[in-house]
């Protein structure tokens, strides 16, 4: 289990994968870096969960994975928040409502250059029968 691997099995859980308003920036020369391999392992474990069953982690992983080469303690705190989120939501899942039928709905959004370095970030969700499919 992911939480056991990172000694967070009995951690205080949270209901959001990344704290609201979190703005992660690149490490500066004065920042103390943490173990890169451990950080990459935490990010990769969450990414595996996202790809398999937890699409709700996509945004937080997009944010934390950008700092895999030079992670700081601030980046680690954000990555561990994702683990705390998994702890608090391990019994939840996507449900499909047969009453809604096979009606496909979709939404998308983009930041258009608002990220550090002026990159654009976009995202989308498609729902079928009330549950996310993509």
Protein backbone atom coordinates (compact mmCIF):
# COMPACT_ATOMS: atom_id res chain seq x y z
CA UNK A 1 0.00 0.00 0.00
CA UNK A 2 1.24 3.48 -0.88
CA UNK A 3 0.64 4.98 2.57
CA UNK A 4 2.55 2.22 4.33
CA UNK A 5 5.54 2.64 1.99
CA UNK A 6 5.93 6.30 3.01
CA UNK A 7 5.12 5.72 6.70
CA UNK A 8 1.81 7.60 6.44
CA UNK A 9 -0.63 4.80 7.24
CA UNK A 10 -1.85 6.61 10.37
CA UNK A 11 -1.53 10.16 9.03
CA UNK A 12 -4.11 12.88 9.49
CA UNK A 13 -6.24 12.72 6.34
CA UNK A 14 -7.43 15.63 4.21
CA UNK A 15 -10.31 16.12 1.76
CA UNK A 16 -8.35 17.94 -0.98
CA UNK A 17 -5.28 16.64 -2.87
CA UNK A 18 -3.54 20.03 -3.01
CA UNK A 19 -4.20 22.94 -0.68
CA UNK A 20 -6.27 25.69 -2.25
CA UNK A 21 -4.12 28.50 -3.60
CA UNK A 22 -0.91 26.45 -3.54
CA UNK A 23 1.62 27.98 -5.93
CA UNK A 24 4.70 25.79 -6.28
CA UNK A 25 7.78 27.53 -7.68
CA UNK A 26 11.17 26.26 -8.80
CA UNK A 27 13.90 25.85 -6.19
CA UNK A 28 16.21 28.83 -5.65
CA UNK A 29 19.91 28.61 -4.88
CA UNK A 30 19.20 29.31 -1.20
CA UNK A 31 16.59 26.51 -0.88
CA UNK A 32 17.59 23.26 0.78
CA UNK A 33 16.88 20.35 -1.53
CA UNK A 34 15.44 17.03 -0.32
CA UNK A 35 16.16 13.49 -1.54
CA UNK A 36 15.19 13.59 -5.22
CA UNK A 37 14.66 9.83 -5.55
CA UNK A 38 12.27 9.70 -2.59
CA UNK A 39 10.30 12.66 -3.98
CA UNK A 40 10.11 11.07 -7.43
CA UNK A 41 8.90 7.85 -5.83
CA UNK A 42 6.07 9.66 -4.00
CA UNK A 43 5.05 11.45 -7.21
CA UNK A 44 5.26 8.22 -9.24
CA UNK A 45 3.19 6.25 -6.74
CA UNK A 46 0.42 8.85 -6.91
CA UNK A 47 0.70 8.97 -10.69
CA UNK A 48 0.19 5.20 -10.87
CA UNK A 49 -2.93 5.52 -8.72
CA UNK A 50 -4.17 8.36 -10.93
CA UNK A 51 -3.69 6.41 -14.14
CA UNK A 52 -5.33 3.29 -12.71
CA UNK A 53 -8.34 4.61 -10.81
CA UNK A 54 -7.88 8.05 -9.25
CA UNK A 55 -8.30 10.68 -11.96
CA UNK A 56 -9.09 13.19 -9.19
CA UNK A 57 -5.33 13.38 -8.55
CA UNK A 58 -4.50 14.69 -12.04
CA UNK A 59 -4.16 18.40 -11.22
CA UNK A 60 -2.11 17.92 -8.05
CA UNK A 61 0.24 15.51 -9.83
CA UNK A 62 0.62 17.96 -12.71
CA UNK A 63 1.73 20.54 -10.16
CA UNK A 64 4.10 18.43 -8.04
CA UNK A 65 5.69 16.50 -10.91
CA UNK A 66 7.19 19.71 -12.35
CA UNK A 67 9.65 19.80 -9.45
CA UNK A 68 11.05 16.27 -9.63
CA UNK A 69 14.60 17.36 -10.48
CA UNK A 70 15.12 19.84 -7.62
CA UNK A 71 12.47 19.22 -4.94
CA UNK A 72 12.43 21.26 -1.73
CA UNK A 73 10.65 20.63 1.56
CA UNK A 74 7.75 22.79 0.29
CA UNK A 75 7.37 20.50 -2.72
CA UNK A 76 7.53 17.45 -0.44
CA UNK A 77 4.80 18.89 1.80
CA UNK A 78 2.56 19.35 -1.25
CA UNK A 79 3.31 15.81 -2.48
CA UNK A 80 2.56 14.34 0.95
CA UNK A 81 -0.76 16.20 0.98
CA UNK A 82 -1.73 13.96 -1.94
CA UNK A 83 -0.94 10.92 0.20
CA UNK A 84 -3.03 12.34 3.05
CA UNK A 85 -5.84 12.84 0.53
CA UNK A 86 -5.60 9.20 -0.53
CA UNK A 87 -5.84 8.24 3.14
CA UNK A 88 -9.03 10.24 3.59
CA UNK A 89 -10.73 9.13 0.39
CA UNK A 90 -9.75 5.46 0.09
CA UNK A 91 -13.38 4.32 0.39
CA UNK A 92 -14.70 6.68 -2.30
CA UNK A 93 -15.06 5.99 -5.98
CA UNK A 94 -16.78 7.00 -9.21
CA UNK A 95 -20.42 5.99 -9.46
CA UNK A 96 -22.62 5.83 -12.53
CA UNK A 97 -26.32 6.63 -12.36
CA UNK A 98 -28.50 4.60 -14.70
CA UNK A 99 -31.27 7.20 -14.37
CA UNK A 100 -29.15 9.74 -16.26
CA UNK A 101 -28.75 7.44 -19.23
CA UNK A 102 -25.81 7.54 -21.60
CA UNK A 103 -25.73 11.33 -21.86
CA UNK A 104 -22.15 12.54 -22.37
CA UNK A 105 -21.17 15.88 -20.81
CA UNK A 106 -17.80 17.59 -21.04
CA UNK A 107 -15.96 20.59 -19.62
CA UNK A 108 -12.53 22.09 -20.22
CA UNK A 109 -10.43 24.96 -18.93
CA UNK A 110 -6.99 26.46 -19.52
CA UNK A 111 -4.69 28.92 -17.75
CA UNK A 112 -3.26 30.42 -20.97
CA UNK A 113 0.25 31.25 -19.79
CA UNK A 114 -0.48 31.91 -16.13
CA UNK A 115 2.04 29.34 -14.83
CA UNK A 116 5.64 30.07 -13.85
CA UNK A 117 7.64 30.29 -17.07
CA UNK A 118 4.47 31.37 -18.94
CA UNK A 119 3.37 27.80 -19.75
CA UNK A 120 -0.29 27.15 -20.38
CA UNK A 121 -2.03 24.39 -18.43
CA UNK A 122 -5.28 22.89 -19.62
CA UNK A 123 -7.62 20.23 -18.37
CA UNK A 124 -10.88 18.53 -19.20
CA UNK A 125 -13.41 16.09 -17.83
CA UNK A 126 -15.99 13.98 -19.64
CA UNK A 127 -18.89 12.49 -17.70
CA UNK A 128 -21.10 9.62 -18.76
CA UNK A 129 -24.14 8.59 -16.69
CA UNK A 130 -23.00 10.99 -13.97
CA UNK A 131 -19.50 9.51 -13.57
CA UNK A 132 -16.17 10.69 -14.94
CA UNK A 133 -14.86 8.59 -17.85
CA UNK A 134 -11.96 10.79 -19.00
